[in-house]
Amino acid sequence: MKAAQHTKQQLRTAALAARDGLSDEARAAAAQAIAARGLPFAIQPGAVVSGYAPIRSEFDPAPLMRELAAQGARLALPVVLARGHSLSFRAWSPGDRLTMGALGIPEPSPVAAELVPDVMLVPLAAFDRTGHRIGYGGGYYDYTFSHLRKAHHVIGVGLGFAIQETAVVPALAHDAALDYVLTERETLDFRSS
């Protein structure tokens, strides 16, 4: 396990450095490209789509989320309740004011309604062509997928830049695979993998 963790850290560092090297213009163009292409499946009116407030040089899901809201989706953002636990999700609409969460990540107001996502848009540091991702090492999305998928069908969609692709993510038993990864260049579908 130590070797896998060490390799994950090396892959994370390399992918984040590549992502950090992208210009603001390239990041904005990629976000618009994915918003224009949309999700590779239909969203039912009223379906809950969780996104995230981007930090550092993360892919910005806001343009896609606005498009999904226009198609009738209800939007939510994640809230970190405690380390080693599943994320919670609160209702959010573009323009809503966010508060700073415990980990310095913007979150919806504590009075916003809690929702259970049908689709989770997930940030990533790196990804491979089998649907595995590397995040920042906290395991929040792995815990959340594991928890939610016990009782609810939730589709995991990673959002990232093509430059973040790596040959192989060393996945462990508790690592939750994504159903799709969307980049500015392509849509990767892992459901039949």
Protein backbone atom coordinates (compact mmCIF):
# COMPACT_ATOMS: atom_id res chain seq x y z
CA MET A 1 0.00 0.00 0.00
CA LYS A 2 2.88 2.37 0.73
CA ALA A 3 4.19 1.97 -2.84
CA ALA A 4 0.75 2.71 -4.30
CA GLN A 5 0.38 5.77 -2.10
CA HIS A 6 3.86 6.98 -3.04
CA THR A 7 3.05 6.49 -6.72
CA LYS A 8 -0.28 8.27 -6.31
CA GLN A 9 1.50 11.21 -4.71
CA GLN A 10 3.98 11.37 -7.59
CA LEU A 11 1.16 11.19 -10.16
CA ARG A 12 -0.84 13.82 -8.25
CA THR A 13 2.14 16.18 -8.13
CA ALA A 14 2.88 15.80 -11.85
CA ALA A 15 -0.77 16.19 -12.91
CA LEU A 16 -1.32 19.24 -10.71
CA ALA A 17 1.85 20.86 -12.05
CA ALA A 18 0.60 20.30 -15.60
CA ARG A 19 -2.84 21.68 -14.67
CA ASP A 20 -1.27 24.71 -12.97
CA GLY A 21 0.64 25.41 -16.18
CA LEU A 22 -2.55 25.99 -18.17
CA SER A 23 -3.43 29.61 -18.85
CA ASP A 24 -6.63 31.16 -17.49
CA GLU A 25 -7.81 31.43 -21.11
CA ALA A 26 -7.24 27.71 -21.74
CA ARG A 27 -9.10 26.82 -18.53
CA ALA A 28 -12.04 29.07 -19.43
CA ALA A 29 -12.17 27.70 -22.99
CA ALA A 30 -12.18 24.12 -21.67
CA ALA A 31 -15.06 24.89 -19.28
CA GLN A 32 -17.05 26.43 -22.15
CA ALA A 33 -16.29 23.46 -24.43
CA ILE A 34 -17.67 20.97 -21.91
CA ALA A 35 -20.70 23.16 -21.18
CA ALA A 36 -21.45 23.33 -24.92
CA ARG A 37 -21.08 19.54 -25.27
CA GLY A 38 -23.03 18.79 -22.09
CA LEU A 39 -23.36 15.48 -20.31
CA PRO A 40 -23.38 12.28 -22.38
CA PHE A 41 -26.77 11.28 -20.96
CA ALA A 42 -30.15 12.93 -20.47
CA ILE A 43 -30.92 14.75 -17.24
CA GLN A 44 -34.44 14.26 -15.95
CA PRO A 45 -36.22 17.45 -14.81
CA GLY A 46 -35.69 17.84 -11.08
CA ALA A 47 -32.62 15.57 -10.99
CA VAL A 48 -30.06 16.74 -8.46
CA VAL A 49 -26.62 17.49 -9.89
CA SER A 50 -23.85 18.27 -7.43
CA GLY A 51 -20.89 20.25 -8.62
CA TYR A 52 -18.15 21.93 -6.62
CA ALA A 53 -16.64 25.34 -6.02
CA PRO A 54 -13.28 25.15 -7.80
CA ILE A 55 -10.15 25.79 -5.80
CA ARG A 56 -6.62 26.40 -7.06
CA SER A 57 -6.53 25.59 -10.78
CA GLU A 58 -9.40 23.07 -10.74
CA PHE A 59 -11.69 22.73 -13.71
CA ASP A 60 -14.58 25.19 -13.28
CA PRO A 61 -17.92 23.33 -13.48
CA ALA A 62 -20.03 26.53 -13.33
CA PRO A 63 -20.70 26.86 -17.10
CA LEU A 64 -21.84 23.21 -17.29
CA MET A 65 -23.91 23.59 -14.12
CA ARG A 66 -25.69 26.64 -15.56
CA GLU A 67 -26.53 24.63 -18.70
CA LEU A 68 -27.84 21.73 -16.59
CA ALA A 69 -29.96 24.10 -14.49
CA ALA A 70 -31.45 25.47 -17.73
CA GLN A 71 -32.40 21.86 -18.59
CA GLY A 72 -34.29 21.52 -15.30
CA ALA A 73 -31.64 20.10 -12.96
CA ARG A 74 -31.54 21.14 -9.31
CA LEU A 75 -27.99 22.06 -8.29
CA ALA A 76 -26.06 21.32 -5.12
CA LEU A 77 -22.54 21.77 -3.79
CA PRO A 78 -20.68 19.51 -1.36
CA VAL A 79 -20.10 20.26 2.29
CA VAL A 80 -17.33 18.64 4.33
CA LEU A 81 -18.74 17.55 7.68
CA ALA A 82 -15.80 15.55 9.07
CA ARG A 83 -12.61 13.92 7.86
CA GLY A 84 -13.13 10.29 6.88
CA HIS A 85 -16.86 10.76 6.34
CA SER A 86 -19.19 11.13 3.39
CA LEU A 87 -19.81 14.60 1.99
CA SER A 88 -23.17 16.23 2.49
CA PHE A 89 -24.81 18.28 -0.29
CA ARG A 90 -26.73 21.53 -0.03
CA ALA A 91 -28.89 23.26 -2.61
CA TRP A 92 -27.15 25.96 -4.62
CA SER A 93 -28.06 28.24 -7.52
CA PRO A 94 -25.69 30.37 -9.60
CA GLY A 95 -25.32 33.69 -7.84
CA ASP A 96 -25.94 32.28 -4.34
CA ARG A 97 -23.44 33.55 -1.82
CA LEU A 98 -21.08 30.89 -0.47
CA THR A 99 -19.51 30.67 2.98
CA MET A 100 -16.01 29.40 3.74
CA GLY A 101 -16.10 25.80 4.91
CA ALA A 102 -13.89 24.09 7.48
CA LEU A 103 -11.23 23.18 4.88
CA GLY A 104 -11.23 26.60 3.24
CA ILE A 105 -13.54 25.45 0.44
CA PRO A 106 -16.57 27.62 -0.40
CA GLU A 107 -19.86 25.95 0.57
CA PRO A 108 -23.57 26.82 0.45
CA SER A 109 -25.16 28.38 3.51
CA PRO A 110 -25.86 26.02 6.42
CA VAL A 111 -29.56 26.89 6.04
CA ALA A 112 -29.66 25.65 2.41
CA ALA A 113 -31.70 22.48 1.90
CA GLU A 114 -29.81 19.18 2.01
CA LEU A 115 -30.12 17.19 -1.21
CA VAL A 116 -29.02 13.73 -2.39
CA PRO A 117 -27.32 13.93 -5.78
CA ASP A 118 -28.31 11.81 -8.76
CA VAL A 119 -25.20 13.01 -10.61
CA MET A 120 -21.94 14.06 -8.97
CA LEU A 121 -19.55 16.29 -10.92
CA VAL A 122 -16.18 15.53 -9.37
CA PRO A 123 -12.88 17.44 -9.46
CA LEU A 124 -9.72 15.47 -9.99
CA ALA A 125 -5.96 15.79 -9.95
CA ALA A 126 -5.40 12.91 -12.39
CA PHE A 127 -7.41 10.20 -14.14
CA ASP A 128 -6.86 7.14 -16.31
CA ARG A 129 -8.87 5.39 -19.01
CA THR A 130 -10.44 2.89 -16.62
CA GLY A 131 -12.37 5.51 -14.64
CA HIS A 132 -10.04 5.82 -11.68
CA ARG A 133 -9.12 9.24 -10.37
CA ILE A 134 -6.65 10.76 -8.00
CA GLY A 135 -7.97 13.56 -5.83
CA TYR A 136 -6.13 15.40 -3.10
CA GLY A 137 -5.80 12.37 -0.84
CA GLY A 138 -8.61 12.97 1.65
CA GLY A 139 -10.86 10.24 0.25
CA TYR A 140 -14.02 12.35 0.55
CA TYR A 141 -15.44 11.40 -2.85
CA ASP A 142 -14.56 7.71 -2.36
CA TYR A 143 -16.41 7.68 0.98
CA THR A 144 -19.33 9.54 -0.56
CA PHE A 145 -19.72 7.25 -3.57
CA SER A 146 -19.46 4.19 -1.33
CA HIS A 147 -22.08 5.59 1.06
CA LEU A 148 -24.53 6.87 -1.57
CA ARG A 149 -24.30 3.88 -3.91
CA LYS A 150 -25.48 1.54 -1.14
CA ALA A 151 -29.00 2.98 -1.38
CA HIS A 152 -29.13 5.30 -4.39
CA HIS A 153 -28.00 5.21 -8.01
CA VAL A 154 -25.55 8.08 -8.45
CA ILE A 155 -23.57 8.78 -11.61
CA GLY A 156 -19.98 9.95 -11.09
CA VAL A 157 -18.63 12.37 -13.70
CA GLY A 158 -15.04 13.55 -13.38
CA LEU A 159 -14.23 16.96 -14.85
CA GLY A 160 -10.69 17.75 -15.87
CA PHE A 161 -8.27 18.79 -18.55
CA ALA A 162 -6.87 16.32 -21.06
CA ILE A 163 -3.39 17.14 -19.75
CA GLN A 164 -4.33 15.48 -16.41
CA GLU A 165 -4.64 12.02 -17.95
CA THR A 166 -2.15 9.46 -16.72
CA ALA A 167 -1.52 5.95 -18.01
CA VAL A 168 -2.57 4.08 -14.85
CA VAL A 169 -3.96 5.24 -11.53
CA PRO A 170 -2.94 2.69 -8.86
CA ALA A 171 -6.45 2.02 -7.53
CA LEU A 172 -7.04 0.40 -4.17
CA ALA A 173 -10.12 -1.60 -3.15
CA HIS A 174 -11.80 1.43 -1.51
CA ASP A 175 -11.23 3.75 -4.52
CA ALA A 176 -14.54 4.44 -6.27
CA ALA A 177 -14.45 4.44 -10.07
CA LEU A 178 -16.15 7.15 -12.10
CA ASP A 179 -18.78 6.48 -14.74
CA TYR A 180 -17.44 9.21 -17.05
CA VAL A 181 -14.62 11.72 -17.36
CA LEU A 182 -15.18 14.84 -19.44
CA THR A 183 -12.26 16.84 -20.78
CA GLU A 184 -12.12 19.66 -23.30
CA ARG A 185 -11.18 17.07 -25.93
CA GLU A 186 -13.40 14.07 -25.26
CA THR A 187 -15.97 12.21 -23.21
CA LEU A 188 -14.73 8.97 -21.67
CA ASP A 189 -17.43 6.41 -20.80
CA PHE A 190 -16.40 3.70 -18.29
CA ARG A 191 -19.77 2.10 -17.63
CA SER A 192 -19.02 -1.03 -19.68
CA SER A 193 -15.36 -1.26 -18.63
